[in-house]
Amino acid sequence: MGLFTLRMGFPEMSDLWKLLAGKAERGMLSTDEAALYRKLAKALRLLSANPRHPSLASHSIDALSRRYSRKVWESFLENRKPAAGWLFWVYGPAKGEITVIGLEPHPDDNRSGYSKVRLSSTQDG
């Protein structure tokens, strides 16, 4: 078991994880879904064990932290392949928890790139 308990943000991340996990359980993932599920599961294992794991390249994003009034972090979905996508996450809501609030292709490096990122809520409902 990891150092942190992982939660999925509502509704987008929770719905995505339930969809992928359910399809995986029934053996019904498409090729693309299977690749995403595998990469996401690995990134989540690493995040749970050590949010600063080198292959995650985790770092806070000031633009999103200001927008959401809490420190928002992003991590590689796949090692050394930023184009593969990023996980966005926050610590909490409880001590020892991390909530995954987004999964996106890497935004443009310009300032407006993060303005398009939509993040899930840390609360259900």
N, C-alpha and C. Protein backbone atom coordinates (compact mmCIF):
# COMPACT_ATOMS: atom_id res chain seq x y z
N MET A 1 0.84 -1.18 0.00
CA MET A 1 0.00 0.00 0.00
C MET A 1 0.88 1.24 0.00
N GLY A 2 0.42 2.28 -0.66
CA GLY A 2 1.21 3.49 -0.80
C GLY A 2 1.19 4.35 0.45
N LEU A 3 2.04 5.33 0.43
CA LEU A 3 2.14 6.30 1.50
C LEU A 3 0.89 7.18 1.54
N PHE A 4 0.33 7.48 0.36
CA PHE A 4 -0.86 8.32 0.24
C PHE A 4 -2.05 7.50 -0.25
N THR A 5 -3.21 7.82 0.26
CA THR A 5 -4.46 7.26 -0.26
C THR A 5 -4.88 8.13 -1.43
N LEU A 6 -5.18 7.52 -2.56
CA LEU A 6 -5.58 8.27 -3.74
C LEU A 6 -7.10 8.32 -3.83
N ARG A 7 -7.58 9.49 -4.22
CA ARG A 7 -8.99 9.71 -4.50
C ARG A 7 -9.09 10.24 -5.92
N MET A 8 -10.22 10.05 -6.53
CA MET A 8 -10.46 10.60 -7.86
C MET A 8 -11.44 11.76 -7.74
N GLY A 9 -11.12 12.86 -8.42
CA GLY A 9 -11.98 14.04 -8.39
C GLY A 9 -13.33 13.76 -9.04
N PHE A 10 -14.31 14.59 -8.69
CA PHE A 10 -15.69 14.42 -9.15
C PHE A 10 -16.07 15.52 -10.13
N PRO A 11 -16.82 15.24 -11.13
CA PRO A 11 -17.23 13.91 -11.55
C PRO A 11 -16.28 13.30 -12.58
N GLU A 12 -15.51 14.12 -13.28
CA GLU A 12 -14.76 13.64 -14.45
C GLU A 12 -13.78 12.51 -14.15
N MET A 13 -12.91 12.68 -13.19
CA MET A 13 -11.89 11.66 -12.94
C MET A 13 -12.50 10.40 -12.35
N SER A 14 -13.46 10.57 -11.47
CA SER A 14 -14.13 9.40 -10.90
C SER A 14 -14.83 8.60 -12.00
N ASP A 15 -15.54 9.31 -12.87
CA ASP A 15 -16.25 8.64 -13.96
C ASP A 15 -15.29 7.95 -14.93
N LEU A 16 -14.20 8.63 -15.27
CA LEU A 16 -13.21 8.04 -16.18
C LEU A 16 -12.62 6.77 -15.59
N TRP A 17 -12.22 6.82 -14.32
CA TRP A 17 -11.60 5.66 -13.68
C TRP A 17 -12.58 4.49 -13.60
N LYS A 18 -13.83 4.77 -13.24
CA LYS A 18 -14.84 3.71 -13.17
C LYS A 18 -15.07 3.09 -14.54
N LEU A 19 -15.13 3.90 -15.58
CA LEU A 19 -15.32 3.41 -16.93
C LEU A 19 -14.17 2.50 -17.35
N LEU A 20 -12.94 2.98 -17.19
CA LEU A 20 -11.78 2.18 -17.59
C LEU A 20 -11.66 0.91 -16.77
N ALA A 21 -11.81 1.02 -15.45
CA ALA A 21 -11.68 -0.17 -14.60
C ALA A 21 -12.77 -1.19 -14.90
N GLY A 22 -13.98 -0.72 -15.13
CA GLY A 22 -15.08 -1.63 -15.46
C GLY A 22 -14.85 -2.35 -16.78
N LYS A 23 -14.42 -1.60 -17.79
CA LYS A 23 -14.13 -2.22 -19.09
C LYS A 23 -12.96 -3.19 -18.98
N ALA A 24 -11.95 -2.84 -18.19
CA ALA A 24 -10.80 -3.73 -18.01
C ALA A 24 -11.23 -5.03 -17.35
N GLU A 25 -12.07 -4.92 -16.36
CA GLU A 25 -12.56 -6.10 -15.65
C GLU A 25 -13.33 -7.03 -16.58
N ARG A 26 -14.07 -6.45 -17.53
CA ARG A 26 -14.85 -7.25 -18.47
C ARG A 26 -14.07 -7.59 -19.74
N GLY A 27 -12.81 -7.15 -19.84
CA GLY A 27 -12.00 -7.42 -21.03
C GLY A 27 -12.50 -6.69 -22.27
N MET A 28 -13.04 -5.49 -22.09
CA MET A 28 -13.67 -4.78 -23.19
C MET A 28 -12.97 -3.46 -23.55
N LEU A 29 -11.72 -3.27 -23.11
CA LEU A 29 -11.00 -2.04 -23.43
C LEU A 29 -10.56 -2.05 -24.89
N SER A 30 -10.70 -0.90 -25.56
CA SER A 30 -10.12 -0.76 -26.89
C SER A 30 -8.60 -0.68 -26.73
N THR A 31 -7.88 -0.72 -27.80
CA THR A 31 -6.42 -0.62 -27.74
C THR A 31 -5.98 0.68 -27.08
N ASP A 32 -6.60 1.79 -27.48
CA ASP A 32 -6.25 3.09 -26.89
C ASP A 32 -6.62 3.16 -25.42
N GLU A 33 -7.80 2.63 -25.08
CA GLU A 33 -8.22 2.62 -23.68
C GLU A 33 -7.29 1.75 -22.83
N ALA A 34 -6.86 0.62 -23.37
CA ALA A 34 -5.96 -0.27 -22.63
C ALA A 34 -4.63 0.43 -22.36
N ALA A 35 -4.12 1.15 -23.36
CA ALA A 35 -2.85 1.88 -23.18
C ALA A 35 -3.02 2.96 -22.12
N LEU A 36 -4.12 3.72 -22.18
CA LEU A 36 -4.37 4.76 -21.19
C LEU A 36 -4.53 4.16 -19.80
N TYR A 37 -5.27 3.09 -19.68
CA TYR A 37 -5.50 2.43 -18.39
C TYR A 37 -4.18 1.97 -17.79
N ARG A 38 -3.33 1.37 -18.60
CA ARG A 38 -2.02 0.88 -18.13
C ARG A 38 -1.15 2.05 -17.65
N LYS A 39 -1.07 3.12 -18.45
CA LYS A 39 -0.25 4.29 -18.09
C LYS A 39 -0.80 4.97 -16.84
N LEU A 40 -2.12 5.12 -16.79
CA LEU A 40 -2.73 5.78 -15.64
C LEU A 40 -2.53 4.97 -14.37
N ALA A 41 -2.72 3.66 -14.45
CA ALA A 41 -2.54 2.80 -13.27
C ALA A 41 -1.10 2.89 -12.75
N LYS A 42 -0.14 2.88 -13.66
CA LYS A 42 1.27 2.97 -13.24
C LYS A 42 1.54 4.32 -12.59
N ALA A 43 1.08 5.39 -13.21
CA ALA A 43 1.30 6.73 -12.65
C ALA A 43 0.64 6.85 -11.28
N LEU A 44 -0.54 6.28 -11.11
CA LEU A 44 -1.22 6.33 -9.82
C LEU A 44 -0.47 5.56 -8.74
N ARG A 45 0.09 4.41 -9.11
CA ARG A 45 0.91 3.64 -8.14
C ARG A 45 2.11 4.46 -7.69
N LEU A 46 2.79 5.09 -8.65
CA LEU A 46 3.96 5.91 -8.31
C LEU A 46 3.55 7.11 -7.46
N LEU A 47 2.46 7.75 -7.82
CA LEU A 47 1.98 8.93 -7.09
C LEU A 47 1.63 8.56 -5.65
N SER A 48 0.99 7.44 -5.46
CA SER A 48 0.61 6.99 -4.13
C SER A 48 1.84 6.70 -3.27
N ALA A 49 2.84 6.11 -3.87
CA ALA A 49 4.05 5.74 -3.12
C ALA A 49 4.96 6.93 -2.87
N ASN A 50 5.05 7.84 -3.86
CA ASN A 50 5.98 8.96 -3.74
C ASN A 50 5.64 10.02 -4.79
N PRO A 51 4.89 11.06 -4.41
CA PRO A 51 4.51 12.08 -5.37
C PRO A 51 5.70 12.76 -6.05
N ARG A 52 6.87 12.64 -5.46
CA ARG A 52 8.07 13.25 -6.04
C ARG A 52 8.95 12.22 -6.77
N HIS A 53 8.37 11.09 -7.10
CA HIS A 53 9.12 10.07 -7.85
C HIS A 53 9.68 10.71 -9.11
N PRO A 54 10.96 10.48 -9.42
CA PRO A 54 11.59 11.15 -10.56
C PRO A 54 10.86 10.96 -11.90
N SER A 55 10.29 9.80 -12.14
CA SER A 55 9.65 9.60 -13.44
C SER A 55 8.33 10.35 -13.57
N LEU A 56 7.76 10.81 -12.45
CA LEU A 56 6.54 11.62 -12.52
C LEU A 56 6.83 13.08 -12.87
N ALA A 57 8.04 13.53 -12.56
CA ALA A 57 8.43 14.93 -12.80
C ALA A 57 7.38 15.89 -12.23
N SER A 58 6.90 15.62 -11.03
CA SER A 58 5.85 16.44 -10.41
C SER A 58 6.34 17.84 -10.11
N HIS A 59 5.48 18.81 -10.41
CA HIS A 59 5.77 20.20 -10.07
C HIS A 59 4.46 20.97 -9.97
N SER A 60 4.49 22.01 -9.14
CA SER A 60 3.27 22.80 -8.97
C SER A 60 3.10 23.74 -10.16
N ILE A 61 1.85 24.10 -10.43
CA ILE A 61 1.51 24.97 -11.54
C ILE A 61 0.88 26.24 -10.96
N ASP A 62 1.63 27.32 -11.00
CA ASP A 62 1.17 28.57 -10.39
C ASP A 62 -0.14 29.06 -10.98
N ALA A 63 -0.30 29.00 -12.30
CA ALA A 63 -1.52 29.51 -12.93
C ALA A 63 -2.76 28.76 -12.43
N LEU A 64 -2.66 27.44 -12.30
CA LEU A 64 -3.79 26.66 -11.81
C LEU A 64 -3.97 26.82 -10.30
N SER A 65 -2.87 26.94 -9.59
CA SER A 65 -2.94 27.14 -8.13
C SER A 65 -3.67 28.44 -7.82
N ARG A 66 -3.38 29.50 -8.57
CA ARG A 66 -4.08 30.77 -8.35
C ARG A 66 -5.56 30.63 -8.70
N ARG A 67 -5.86 29.96 -9.80
CA ARG A 67 -7.24 29.82 -10.26
C ARG A 67 -8.08 28.99 -9.28
N TYR A 68 -7.51 27.96 -8.68
CA TYR A 68 -8.26 27.07 -7.80
C TYR A 68 -8.01 27.35 -6.31
N SER A 69 -7.24 28.38 -6.01
CA SER A 69 -6.99 28.81 -4.63
C SER A 69 -6.42 27.71 -3.75
N ARG A 70 -5.65 26.83 -4.36
CA ARG A 70 -4.90 25.81 -3.62
C ARG A 70 -3.80 25.32 -4.56
N LYS A 71 -2.75 24.77 -3.99
CA LYS A 71 -1.62 24.34 -4.81
C LYS A 71 -2.02 23.14 -5.66
N VAL A 72 -1.91 23.31 -6.98
CA VAL A 72 -2.21 22.26 -7.95
C VAL A 72 -0.90 21.76 -8.53
N TRP A 73 -0.75 20.47 -8.57
CA TRP A 73 0.46 19.83 -9.08
C TRP A 73 0.15 19.13 -10.39
N GLU A 74 1.17 18.96 -11.20
CA GLU A 74 1.03 18.12 -12.38
C GLU A 74 2.19 17.15 -12.43
N SER A 75 1.91 15.97 -12.98
CA SER A 75 2.90 14.90 -13.08
C SER A 75 2.77 14.24 -14.44
N PHE A 76 3.90 13.73 -14.94
CA PHE A 76 3.87 12.98 -16.20
C PHE A 76 2.95 11.78 -16.07
N LEU A 77 2.17 11.53 -17.10
CA LEU A 77 1.40 10.30 -17.17
C LEU A 77 2.31 9.16 -17.60
N GLU A 78 3.30 9.49 -18.41
CA GLU A 78 4.25 8.49 -18.90
C GLU A 78 5.64 9.09 -18.84
N ASN A 79 6.59 8.32 -18.36
CA ASN A 79 7.95 8.77 -18.15
C ASN A 79 8.58 9.35 -19.41
N ARG A 80 9.07 10.57 -19.28
CA ARG A 80 9.82 11.27 -20.32
C ARG A 80 9.04 11.46 -21.62
N LYS A 81 7.74 11.44 -21.54
CA LYS A 81 6.91 11.67 -22.72
C LYS A 81 5.81 12.67 -22.36
N PRO A 82 6.16 13.95 -22.21
CA PRO A 82 5.16 14.92 -21.79
C PRO A 82 3.97 15.00 -22.74
N ALA A 83 4.17 14.69 -24.00
CA ALA A 83 3.06 14.72 -24.95
C ALA A 83 2.02 13.64 -24.64
N ALA A 84 2.40 12.64 -23.83
CA ALA A 84 1.48 11.56 -23.47
C ALA A 84 0.39 12.06 -22.52
N GLY A 85 0.64 13.16 -21.85
CA GLY A 85 -0.37 13.73 -20.98
C GLY A 85 0.13 13.95 -19.57
N TRP A 86 -0.69 14.66 -18.83
CA TRP A 86 -0.37 15.03 -17.47
C TRP A 86 -1.52 14.70 -16.54
N LEU A 87 -1.16 14.31 -15.33
CA LEU A 87 -2.11 14.19 -14.24
C LEU A 87 -2.06 15.47 -13.44
N PHE A 88 -3.20 16.01 -13.10
CA PHE A 88 -3.27 17.17 -12.22
C PHE A 88 -3.83 16.69 -10.89
N TRP A 89 -3.24 17.14 -9.80
CA TRP A 89 -3.65 16.63 -8.50
C TRP A 89 -3.38 17.65 -7.40
N VAL A 90 -4.02 17.41 -6.27
CA VAL A 90 -3.85 18.24 -5.08
C VAL A 90 -3.69 17.32 -3.87
N TYR A 91 -3.06 17.84 -2.84
CA TYR A 91 -3.02 17.12 -1.57
C TYR A 91 -4.37 17.33 -0.89
N GLY A 92 -4.88 16.25 -0.26
CA GLY A 92 -6.10 16.37 0.52
C GLY A 92 -7.30 15.75 -0.17
N PRO A 93 -8.46 15.89 0.39
CA PRO A 93 -8.79 16.89 1.41
C PRO A 93 -8.30 16.52 2.82
N ALA A 94 -8.10 15.26 3.11
CA ALA A 94 -7.61 14.87 4.44
C ALA A 94 -6.10 14.63 4.39
N LYS A 95 -5.50 14.65 5.54
CA LYS A 95 -4.08 14.36 5.65
C LYS A 95 -3.81 12.96 5.11
N GLY A 96 -2.74 12.81 4.34
CA GLY A 96 -2.39 11.51 3.79
C GLY A 96 -3.16 11.14 2.53
N GLU A 97 -3.91 12.10 1.97
CA GLU A 97 -4.67 11.85 0.75
C GLU A 97 -4.17 12.73 -0.39
N ILE A 98 -4.29 12.20 -1.58
CA ILE A 98 -4.07 12.95 -2.81
C ILE A 98 -5.31 12.75 -3.65
N THR A 99 -5.82 13.85 -4.21
CA THR A 99 -6.98 13.76 -5.10
C THR A 99 -6.54 14.11 -6.51
N VAL A 100 -6.74 13.18 -7.42
CA VAL A 100 -6.43 13.39 -8.84
C VAL A 100 -7.61 14.15 -9.43
N ILE A 101 -7.34 15.36 -9.93
CA ILE A 101 -8.42 16.23 -10.38
C ILE A 101 -8.41 16.48 -11.88
N GLY A 102 -7.46 15.89 -12.61
CA GLY A 102 -7.47 16.10 -14.04
C GLY A 102 -6.48 15.20 -14.76
N LEU A 103 -6.80 14.97 -16.02
CA LEU A 103 -5.95 14.21 -16.93
C LEU A 103 -6.09 14.88 -18.28
N GLU A 104 -5.01 15.44 -18.76
CA GLU A 104 -5.07 16.24 -19.98
C GLU A 104 -3.82 16.00 -20.80
N PRO A 105 -3.95 16.23 -22.11
CA PRO A 105 -2.71 16.33 -22.89
C PRO A 105 -1.96 17.54 -22.35
N HIS A 106 -0.67 17.56 -22.48
CA HIS A 106 0.09 18.69 -21.96
C HIS A 106 -0.37 19.97 -22.65
N PRO A 107 -0.73 21.00 -21.86
CA PRO A 107 -1.16 22.25 -22.48
C PRO A 107 0.01 22.96 -23.15
N ASP A 108 -0.32 23.88 -24.03
CA ASP A 108 0.71 24.69 -24.67
C ASP A 108 1.55 25.35 -23.60
N ASP A 109 2.81 25.59 -23.91
CA ASP A 109 3.69 26.21 -22.93
C ASP A 109 3.40 27.69 -22.72
N ASN A 110 2.56 28.29 -23.55
CA ASN A 110 2.26 29.70 -23.33
C ASN A 110 1.27 29.85 -22.19
N ARG A 111 1.10 31.07 -21.71
CA ARG A 111 0.28 31.32 -20.54
C ARG A 111 -1.17 30.87 -20.71
N SER A 112 -1.71 30.98 -21.90
CA SER A 112 -3.12 30.65 -22.10
C SER A 112 -3.36 29.14 -22.09
N GLY A 113 -2.31 28.34 -22.20
CA GLY A 113 -2.49 26.90 -22.24
C GLY A 113 -3.20 26.35 -21.02
N TYR A 114 -2.88 26.82 -19.84
CA TYR A 114 -3.51 26.31 -18.62
C TYR A 114 -4.91 26.87 -18.42
N SER A 115 -5.27 27.94 -19.10
CA SER A 115 -6.62 28.48 -18.94
C SER A 115 -7.67 27.54 -19.51
N LYS A 116 -7.27 26.62 -20.38
CA LYS A 116 -8.19 25.68 -21.00
C LYS A 116 -8.35 24.39 -20.19
N VAL A 117 -7.52 24.19 -19.19
CA VAL A 117 -7.56 22.97 -18.39
C VAL A 117 -8.75 23.01 -17.44
N ARG A 118 -9.59 21.96 -17.52
CA ARG A 118 -10.72 21.81 -16.61
C ARG A 118 -10.38 20.78 -15.57
N LEU A 119 -10.60 21.12 -14.31
CA LEU A 119 -10.26 20.20 -13.24
C LEU A 119 -11.51 19.79 -12.46
N SER A 120 -11.51 18.55 -12.02
CA SER A 120 -12.61 18.01 -11.22
C SER A 120 -12.59 18.62 -9.83
N SER A 121 -13.70 18.45 -9.15
CA SER A 121 -13.82 18.87 -7.76
C SER A 121 -13.23 17.79 -6.84
N THR A 122 -12.79 18.20 -5.68
CA THR A 122 -12.31 17.23 -4.69
C THR A 122 -13.48 16.68 -3.86
N GLN A 123 -14.66 17.24 -4.04
CA GLN A 123 -15.84 16.83 -3.25
C GLN A 123 -16.86 16.14 -4.14
N ASP A 124 -17.51 15.13 -3.62
CA ASP A 124 -18.58 14.43 -4.33
C ASP A 124 -19.85 15.28 -4.25
N GLY A 125 -20.46 15.47 -5.44
CA GLY A 125 -21.74 16.18 -5.49
C GLY A 125 -21.59 17.59 -5.37
